[in-house]
Amino acid sequence: MVERAMMRLIRQRLIEGHQDGVNSVEFCFDDQKILSASTDGTCRLWDFDSGNEDKCYNTHDQHVTAARMSRQNRFRFVSAGWDKKVCMWDVETGQCLWSGSHKGIVSCVGISNDGSSVVSASDLDFTLKVWDANTGQMTREVKDLHTSTLTSCNFSPNDDRIVTTSMDMSTKFIDLKTGANVLTLGDHINIISGCDMARNGRWFATCSWDKTIKLFDIATGSYRSQGPITLSKYHEGCISSCHFSPDGSMLVSGGYDLNLVIWDVENAIHKLKLQGHSDWIEDVRFNEGQDWLVTASKDSTIRLWNLEEADMIPAVLETKKSLGLKILTVRSSYTTVHVDQIRWGCSVQCIRLHAYYNLFSVYQLPKAIFNTNSRRQPDHYLCVLSYGRKTVYCDRLSQ
């Protein structure tokens, strides 16, 4: 009954068109497009608003394991496949700009945040290769990095390191300049299927077939003495992928148990569990606005999940109350909304607006600056809610 109430508030949209399982998906073009890669041998670009297919790229002769696009260069994307190739494509023309090869199936591929480099890995010789994104020239090859198939390879937010996960149950951090392994993590008891690092550089997460997520506070290094935080219980099967929201406050995970789980990172707790796909969830991604999720599934579909009303779900509110987070009401001449009070008493606070699910800043102006002739009562506060380019002036804040 609770899950049905959640689904009423979490609107879904279905995108169909692939002829086989969808292996990777992500938002691009300022969240106006969606890029996907499929076992049917194609990559496709979809319009977010209509869900219609904009372009179909016949990229590989066999399964396409993944397709990725840099946020800095959205006129091209890289793909990898079972045909042992890594290819760079022109988004507009569909022309292959360059291709490189491995000795075996290319199990994963990634592109740097600045769009200058590509990384790929093979499942035969467990070799990692780095390519110049403009020329296709291989700039580095790292052999004997893992003892089994690499399941993911990603650049760090600063593009100075490459992070890999493997079926050998280890995660490794590679210095991009030297090619040296500078850190190895091995906290799972089964295959590590994926990983992600928050853009702010604080959190790093790995997900595994052992049904858990390990959360590492790499900014403080507390995991070295205390170990990582374990997120568990809400996946009944193997977890295939995980991804941080742009501000690092949330983590989403998808699994072979068909569950999509959203986690509150700061409090290390489950926030929502959603279902909709009829087969394995292969990839999950937030959009830049953090109000939409996109998922790819072996059921040949892509699903969009709207999170704008997520914080209005009673179960979510109860969880917040159990953590001691006060629920306040902001009243203005325009509207009344609810916010979570995270740290009250600070001059500047970060809160989350339920109705829009965007990050806000609240400025509580000292009473000393109020006009002495003001009719405002002593317990009223003048507040400014700023989000993006919009600003809302509120008359008062009350519990």
Protein backbone atom coordinates (compact mmCIF):
# COMPACT_ATOMS: atom_id res chain seq x y z
CA MET A 1 0.00 0.00 0.00
CA VAL A 2 2.90 2.34 0.84
CA GLU A 3 4.61 1.46 -2.44
CA ARG A 4 1.42 2.24 -4.37
CA ALA A 5 1.26 5.66 -2.69
CA MET A 6 4.86 6.28 -3.71
CA MET A 7 4.19 5.37 -7.32
CA ARG A 8 1.30 7.83 -7.47
CA LEU A 9 3.67 10.66 -6.53
CA ILE A 10 6.62 9.43 -8.64
CA ARG A 11 5.49 9.88 -12.23
CA GLN A 12 7.06 7.59 -14.82
CA ARG A 13 7.56 7.90 -18.55
CA LEU A 14 8.40 4.96 -20.80
CA ILE A 15 10.69 5.22 -23.83
CA GLU A 16 10.61 2.32 -26.28
CA GLY A 17 12.47 1.70 -29.53
CA HIS A 18 15.47 -0.54 -28.87
CA GLN A 19 15.11 -4.10 -30.12
CA ASP A 20 17.08 -5.64 -27.26
CA GLY A 21 18.34 -4.85 -23.78
CA VAL A 22 19.53 -1.30 -23.01
CA ASN A 23 22.98 -1.38 -21.37
CA SER A 24 23.72 2.28 -20.69
CA VAL A 25 21.83 5.56 -20.55
CA GLU A 26 22.51 9.18 -19.61
CA PHE A 27 21.15 12.71 -19.93
CA CYS A 28 22.92 15.10 -22.28
CA PHE A 29 22.44 18.44 -24.07
CA ASP A 30 21.43 20.25 -20.85
CA ASP A 31 19.00 17.45 -19.95
CA GLN A 32 17.10 17.91 -23.21
CA LYS A 33 18.34 14.66 -24.76
CA ILE A 34 19.03 11.10 -23.63
CA LEU A 35 21.83 8.90 -25.02
CA SER A 36 21.46 5.12 -24.84
CA ALA A 37 23.39 2.02 -25.94
CA SER A 38 21.90 -1.40 -26.55
CA THR A 39 22.54 -5.07 -27.16
CA ASP A 40 20.78 -4.53 -30.52
CA GLY A 41 24.04 -2.99 -31.82
CA THR A 42 22.84 0.62 -31.84
CA CYS A 43 23.18 3.82 -29.88
CA ARG A 44 20.24 6.21 -29.93
CA LEU A 45 19.55 9.83 -29.07
CA TRP A 46 16.10 10.58 -27.64
CA ASP A 47 14.19 13.80 -27.07
CA PHE A 48 13.48 14.21 -23.36
CA ASP A 49 10.17 16.10 -23.73
CA SER A 50 8.52 13.88 -26.33
CA GLY A 51 10.37 10.62 -25.78
CA ASN A 52 10.79 10.34 -29.54
CA GLU A 53 13.93 9.00 -31.17
CA ASP A 54 16.02 11.79 -32.70
CA LYS A 55 18.83 9.69 -34.15
CA CYS A 56 19.85 6.03 -34.43
CA TYR A 57 23.53 5.18 -34.79
CA ASN A 58 24.52 1.74 -36.08
CA THR A 59 27.69 1.80 -34.06
CA HIS A 60 28.85 -1.80 -33.64
CA ASP A 61 28.44 -5.19 -35.31
CA GLN A 62 27.55 -6.78 -31.99
CA HIS A 63 26.36 -5.74 -28.52
CA VAL A 64 27.13 -2.17 -27.49
CA THR A 65 28.27 -2.28 -23.87
CA ALA A 66 28.12 1.49 -23.24
CA ALA A 67 27.98 4.96 -24.81
CA ARG A 68 29.21 8.08 -22.99
CA MET A 69 29.28 11.78 -23.77
CA SER A 70 31.39 14.48 -22.13
CA ARG A 71 29.60 17.43 -20.51
CA GLN A 72 32.18 19.72 -22.15
CA ASN A 73 31.88 18.40 -25.71
CA ARG A 74 28.38 17.31 -26.65
CA PHE A 75 28.99 17.08 -30.38
CA ARG A 76 30.51 13.63 -30.13
CA PHE A 77 30.20 10.50 -28.01
CA VAL A 78 32.24 7.35 -27.45
CA SER A 79 30.96 3.77 -27.56
CA ALA A 80 32.34 0.29 -26.91
CA GLY A 81 31.16 -3.15 -27.91
CA TRP A 82 31.54 -6.89 -28.19
CA ASP A 83 33.24 -6.39 -31.56
CA LYS A 84 36.39 -5.43 -29.56
CA LYS A 85 36.20 -1.81 -30.73
CA VAL A 86 36.12 1.62 -29.12
CA CYS A 87 34.64 4.27 -31.44
CA MET A 88 34.18 8.04 -31.36
CA TRP A 89 31.10 9.34 -33.19
CA ASP A 90 29.93 12.68 -34.53
CA VAL A 91 26.51 13.34 -33.02
CA GLU A 92 25.10 15.24 -36.01
CA THR A 93 26.40 13.18 -38.93
CA GLY A 94 26.73 9.78 -37.27
CA GLN A 95 30.20 9.49 -38.80
CA CYS A 96 32.86 7.46 -37.00
CA LEU A 97 35.67 9.91 -36.22
CA TRP A 98 38.12 7.23 -35.07
CA SER A 99 38.22 3.71 -33.68
CA GLY A 100 40.58 1.69 -31.54
CA SER A 101 40.66 -1.98 -30.63
CA HIS A 102 41.27 -4.45 -27.81
CA LYS A 103 42.11 -8.15 -27.98
CA GLY A 104 38.79 -9.04 -26.38
CA ILE A 105 35.30 -7.68 -25.76
CA VAL A 106 35.41 -4.08 -24.57
CA SER A 107 33.56 -4.42 -21.29
CA CYS A 108 33.45 -0.74 -20.31
CA VAL A 109 34.30 2.74 -21.56
CA GLY A 110 34.43 6.26 -20.13
CA ILE A 111 35.22 9.79 -21.23
CA SER A 112 36.96 12.48 -19.21
CA ASN A 113 34.96 15.42 -17.86
CA ASP A 114 36.87 17.86 -20.07
CA GLY A 115 36.32 15.63 -23.12
CA SER A 116 40.04 15.23 -23.91
CA SER A 117 40.56 11.54 -23.06
CA VAL A 118 38.80 8.20 -23.35
CA VAL A 119 39.39 5.11 -21.21
CA SER A 120 38.38 1.54 -22.09
CA ALA A 121 38.99 -1.97 -20.79
CA SER A 122 38.93 -5.50 -22.18
CA ASP A 123 37.57 -8.69 -20.63
CA LEU A 124 40.19 -10.98 -22.24
CA ASP A 125 43.54 -9.63 -21.08
CA PHE A 126 42.13 -7.27 -18.38
CA THR A 127 44.00 -4.39 -20.04
CA LEU A 128 43.14 -0.72 -19.55
CA LYS A 129 43.76 1.70 -22.44
CA VAL A 130 43.66 5.50 -22.51
CA TRP A 131 43.03 7.30 -25.81
CA ASP A 132 43.34 10.87 -27.04
CA ALA A 133 39.70 11.80 -27.67
CA ASN A 134 40.58 14.05 -30.61
CA THR A 135 42.97 11.85 -32.56
CA GLY A 136 42.20 8.34 -31.34
CA GLN A 137 45.86 7.74 -30.54
CA MET A 138 46.47 5.46 -27.57
CA THR A 139 48.35 7.45 -24.91
CA ARG A 140 48.66 4.80 -22.20
CA GLU A 141 48.19 1.06 -21.70
CA VAL A 142 48.02 -0.50 -18.25
CA LYS A 143 48.39 -4.28 -18.14
CA ASP A 144 47.84 -6.76 -15.31
CA LEU A 145 45.77 -4.22 -13.40
CA HIS A 146 43.14 -6.76 -12.35
CA THR A 147 42.96 -10.54 -12.34
CA SER A 148 39.48 -10.71 -13.88
CA THR A 149 37.14 -8.74 -16.14
CA LEU A 150 36.92 -4.98 -15.54
CA THR A 151 33.30 -3.98 -14.98
CA SER A 152 33.69 -0.19 -15.02
CA CYS A 153 36.28 2.51 -15.72
CA ASN A 154 35.66 6.17 -14.91
CA PHE A 155 37.59 9.40 -14.61
CA SER A 156 37.73 11.25 -11.30
CA PRO A 157 36.04 14.70 -11.18
CA ASN A 158 39.41 16.41 -11.73
CA ASP A 159 40.40 13.99 -14.52
CA ASP A 160 43.68 13.22 -12.75
CA ARG A 161 42.83 9.61 -11.94
CA ILE A 162 40.99 6.66 -13.44
CA VAL A 163 38.94 4.42 -11.16
CA THR A 164 38.28 0.81 -12.15
CA THR A 165 36.18 -2.00 -10.68
CA SER A 166 36.45 -5.67 -11.46
CA MET A 167 35.04 -9.14 -11.09
CA ASP A 168 38.11 -9.83 -8.91
CA MET A 169 36.27 -7.89 -6.15
CA SER A 170 38.69 -4.96 -6.12
CA THR A 171 38.58 -1.25 -6.94
CA LYS A 172 41.71 0.55 -8.11
CA PHE A 173 42.70 4.20 -8.51
CA ILE A 174 45.18 4.83 -11.32
CA ASP A 175 47.27 7.99 -11.61
CA LEU A 176 46.65 9.22 -15.16
CA LYS A 177 50.15 10.71 -15.59
CA THR A 178 52.21 7.79 -14.33
CA GLY A 179 49.85 4.87 -14.84
CA ALA A 180 50.60 3.72 -11.29
CA ASN A 181 48.02 2.13 -9.03
CA VAL A 182 47.83 4.53 -6.07
CA LEU A 183 44.97 2.96 -4.12
CA THR A 184 43.26 -0.42 -3.94
CA LEU A 185 39.95 -1.05 -2.17
CA GLY A 186 38.57 -4.51 -1.52
CA ASP A 187 35.61 -4.29 0.80
CA HIS A 188 33.06 -6.43 -1.07
CA ILE A 189 32.64 -10.21 -0.97
CA ASN A 190 31.41 -10.58 -4.55
CA ILE A 191 31.85 -8.97 -7.98
CA ILE A 192 32.02 -5.16 -7.91
CA SER A 193 29.78 -4.08 -10.76
CA GLY A 194 30.27 -0.31 -10.75
CA CYS A 195 31.32 2.83 -8.94
CA ASP A 196 30.88 6.59 -8.93
CA MET A 197 32.54 9.60 -7.32
CA ALA A 198 30.62 12.70 -6.24
CA ARG A 199 31.61 15.83 -8.13
CA ASN A 200 32.50 17.64 -4.91
CA GLY A 201 35.19 15.02 -4.33
CA ARG A 202 33.94 13.97 -0.91
CA TRP A 203 32.15 10.69 -1.50
CA PHE A 204 33.04 7.60 -3.48
CA ALA A 205 30.67 4.65 -3.86
CA THR A 206 30.98 1.07 -5.12
CA CYS A 207 28.13 -1.36 -5.78
CA SER A 208 28.32 -5.12 -5.86
CA TRP A 209 26.68 -8.44 -6.54
CA ASP A 210 26.84 -8.95 -2.76
CA LYS A 211 23.71 -6.72 -2.61
CA THR A 212 25.49 -3.85 -0.86
CA ILE A 213 26.90 -0.41 -1.59
CA LYS A 214 30.08 0.78 0.11
CA LEU A 215 30.29 4.52 0.74
CA PHE A 216 33.76 6.03 1.27
CA ASP A 217 34.36 9.48 2.73
CA ILE A 218 37.51 10.17 0.71
CA ALA A 219 37.69 13.84 1.68
CA THR A 220 38.42 13.05 5.33
CA GLY A 221 39.90 9.61 4.74
CA SER A 222 37.85 8.25 7.65
CA TYR A 223 37.34 4.96 5.79
CA ARG A 224 41.02 4.12 6.38
CA SER A 225 40.50 3.73 10.13
CA GLN A 226 36.76 3.16 10.39
CA GLY A 227 36.07 1.38 7.12
CA PRO A 228 33.43 2.38 4.56
CA ILE A 229 29.74 2.92 5.31
CA THR A 230 27.60 0.01 4.15
CA LEU A 231 24.22 0.65 2.51
CA SER A 232 22.17 -2.54 2.43
CA LYS A 233 18.83 -4.32 2.94
CA TYR A 234 16.88 -2.57 0.17
CA HIS A 235 18.22 -4.68 -2.70
CA GLU A 236 17.26 -8.35 -2.68
CA GLY A 237 19.59 -9.16 -5.57
CA CYS A 238 22.79 -8.09 -7.29
CA ILE A 239 23.32 -4.33 -7.69
CA SER A 240 24.40 -3.38 -11.19
CA SER A 241 25.04 0.37 -11.07
CA CYS A 242 25.08 3.47 -8.90
CA HIS A 243 25.28 7.22 -9.53
CA PHE A 244 25.53 10.35 -7.37
CA SER A 245 23.29 13.37 -7.84
CA PRO A 246 25.20 16.45 -9.08
CA ASP A 247 25.37 18.00 -5.60
CA GLY A 248 26.38 14.70 -3.98
CA SER A 249 23.47 14.63 -1.55
CA MET A 250 21.81 11.56 -3.08
CA LEU A 251 22.89 8.25 -4.58
CA VAL A 252 20.75 6.08 -6.81
CA SER A 253 21.29 2.37 -7.37
CA GLY A 254 19.71 -0.15 -9.70
CA GLY A 255 19.85 -3.91 -9.63
CA TYR A 256 19.03 -7.27 -11.10
CA ASP A 257 16.25 -7.49 -8.48
CA LEU A 258 14.39 -4.84 -10.56
CA ASN A 259 14.64 -2.36 -7.67
CA LEU A 260 15.63 1.28 -8.03
CA VAL A 261 16.78 2.71 -4.69
CA ILE A 262 17.50 6.34 -3.80
CA TRP A 263 19.77 6.95 -0.81
CA ASP A 264 20.28 9.97 1.42
CA VAL A 265 24.10 10.16 1.38
CA GLU A 266 24.72 12.47 4.34
CA ASN A 267 22.57 10.39 6.68
CA ALA A 268 23.49 7.08 4.98
CA ILE A 269 19.87 5.92 4.85
CA HIS A 270 17.37 4.63 2.31
CA LYS A 271 15.08 7.33 0.93
CA LEU A 272 12.91 5.62 -1.70
CA LYS A 273 12.58 2.24 -3.37
CA LEU A 274 10.88 2.19 -6.78
CA GLN A 275 9.91 -0.48 -9.28
CA GLY A 276 8.73 -0.46 -12.88
CA HIS A 277 11.05 -2.47 -15.12
CA SER A 278 10.29 -6.11 -15.92
CA ASP A 279 13.93 -7.19 -16.24
CA TRP A 280 17.38 -6.27 -14.91
CA ILE A 281 18.20 -2.60 -14.44
CA GLU A 282 21.55 -2.06 -16.16
CA ASP A 283 22.23 1.67 -15.68
CA VAL A 284 20.93 4.63 -13.64
CA ARG A 285 21.54 8.38 -13.91
CA PHE A 286 20.36 11.67 -12.37
CA ASN A 287 19.79 14.74 -14.50
CA GLU A 288 21.51 18.04 -13.71
CA GLY A 289 18.37 19.43 -12.06
CA GLN A 290 18.13 16.37 -9.79
CA ASP A 291 14.38 16.17 -10.39
CA TRP A 292 14.54 13.29 -12.90
CA LEU A 293 16.12 9.86 -13.01
CA VAL A 294 16.69 7.79 -16.14
CA THR A 295 17.15 4.02 -16.10
CA ALA A 296 18.13 1.43 -18.70
CA SER A 297 16.94 -2.15 -18.56
CA LYS A 298 17.37 -5.55 -20.12
CA ASP A 299 13.62 -5.35 -20.87
CA SER A 300 14.59 -3.16 -23.89
CA THR A 301 13.12 0.01 -22.39
CA ILE A 302 14.23 3.29 -20.88
CA ARG A 303 12.26 4.79 -18.01
CA LEU A 304 12.15 8.35 -16.72
CA TRP A 305 11.23 8.93 -13.07
CA ASN A 306 10.05 12.33 -11.85
CA LEU A 307 11.24 13.18 -8.32
CA GLU A 308 9.61 16.59 -7.87
CA GLU A 309 7.08 15.28 -5.36
CA ALA A 310 9.35 12.68 -3.76
CA ASP A 311 9.73 14.52 -0.46
CA MET A 312 5.96 14.73 -0.03
CA ILE A 313 5.68 10.95 0.31
CA PRO A 314 4.61 10.19 3.91
CA ALA A 315 7.26 7.49 4.33
CA VAL A 316 9.99 9.98 3.40
CA LEU A 317 8.65 12.57 5.82
CA GLU A 318 8.51 10.01 8.61
CA THR A 319 12.11 9.02 7.98
CA LYS A 320 13.21 12.64 8.21
CA LYS A 321 11.27 13.16 11.44
CA SER A 322 12.86 10.05 12.93
CA LEU A 323 16.26 11.64 12.28
CA GLY A 324 15.22 14.76 14.16
CA LEU A 325 14.89 16.99 11.10
CA LYS A 326 12.19 19.61 11.71
CA ILE A 327 9.64 20.30 9.02
CA LEU A 328 9.02 24.02 8.59
CA THR A 329 6.57 26.01 6.53
CA VAL A 330 7.66 29.00 4.48
CA ARG A 331 4.87 31.49 3.89
CA SER A 332 5.05 34.21 1.30
CA SER A 333 2.59 36.38 -0.53
CA TYR A 334 2.86 33.98 -3.47
CA THR A 335 2.74 30.48 -2.08
CA THR A 336 3.18 28.21 0.92
CA VAL A 337 5.75 25.42 0.72
CA HIS A 338 7.38 22.97 3.11
CA VAL A 339 11.08 22.69 3.75
CA ASP A 340 13.38 20.52 5.85
CA GLN A 341 15.30 22.36 8.51
CA ILE A 342 18.74 20.79 8.49
CA ARG A 343 20.74 23.22 10.60
CA TRP A 344 18.74 26.01 12.18
CA GLY A 345 20.49 29.04 13.63
CA CYS A 346 23.04 29.50 10.85
CA SER A 347 23.09 32.68 8.82
CA VAL A 348 23.01 30.67 5.61
CA GLN A 349 21.37 27.24 5.40
CA CYS A 350 20.84 24.64 2.75
CA ILE A 351 17.31 23.30 2.59
CA ARG A 352 15.33 21.26 0.11
CA LEU A 353 12.02 22.42 -1.28
CA HIS A 354 9.54 19.55 -1.46
CA ALA A 355 7.52 20.80 -4.40
CA TYR A 356 10.48 21.28 -6.73
CA TYR A 357 13.20 19.06 -5.29
CA ASN A 358 15.87 21.65 -6.04
CA LEU A 359 18.60 22.97 -3.78
CA PHE A 360 17.81 26.25 -2.09
CA SER A 361 19.74 28.64 0.13
CA VAL A 362 17.93 30.46 2.94
CA TYR A 363 19.27 33.74 4.25
CA GLN A 364 17.90 34.71 7.68
CA LEU A 365 18.41 38.45 7.98
CA PRO A 366 19.26 39.72 11.50
CA LYS A 367 16.39 41.51 13.22
CA ALA A 368 18.69 44.45 13.80
CA ILE A 369 18.38 45.48 10.18
CA PHE A 370 14.58 45.48 10.25
CA ASN A 371 12.97 48.86 9.95
CA THR A 372 11.85 49.96 13.42
CA ASN A 373 8.56 51.05 11.90
CA SER A 374 7.94 47.59 10.49
CA ARG A 375 4.75 45.84 11.54
CA ARG A 376 6.57 42.53 11.47
CA GLN A 377 6.18 40.65 14.76
CA PRO A 378 9.28 39.69 16.81
CA ASP A 379 8.94 36.01 15.92
CA HIS A 380 8.83 36.69 12.18
CA TYR A 381 11.84 36.39 9.94
CA LEU A 382 12.54 37.91 6.58
CA CYS A 383 13.83 35.09 4.40
CA VAL A 384 15.19 34.88 0.90
CA LEU A 385 14.98 31.57 -0.96
CA SER A 386 17.33 31.58 -3.93
CA TYR A 387 17.52 28.79 -6.48
CA GLY A 388 19.15 29.13 -9.86
CA ARG A 389 18.17 32.49 -11.26
CA LYS A 390 14.96 32.69 -9.26
CA THR A 391 14.47 34.39 -5.91
CA VAL A 392 11.46 34.22 -3.59
CA TYR A 393 11.09 36.69 -0.71
CA CYS A 394 9.19 35.19 2.21
CA ASP A 395 7.50 37.08 5.00
CA ARG A 396 8.00 34.51 7.71
CA LEU A 397 9.16 31.10 8.66
CA SER A 398 7.12 29.05 11.14
CA GLN A 399 6.98 25.50 12.45
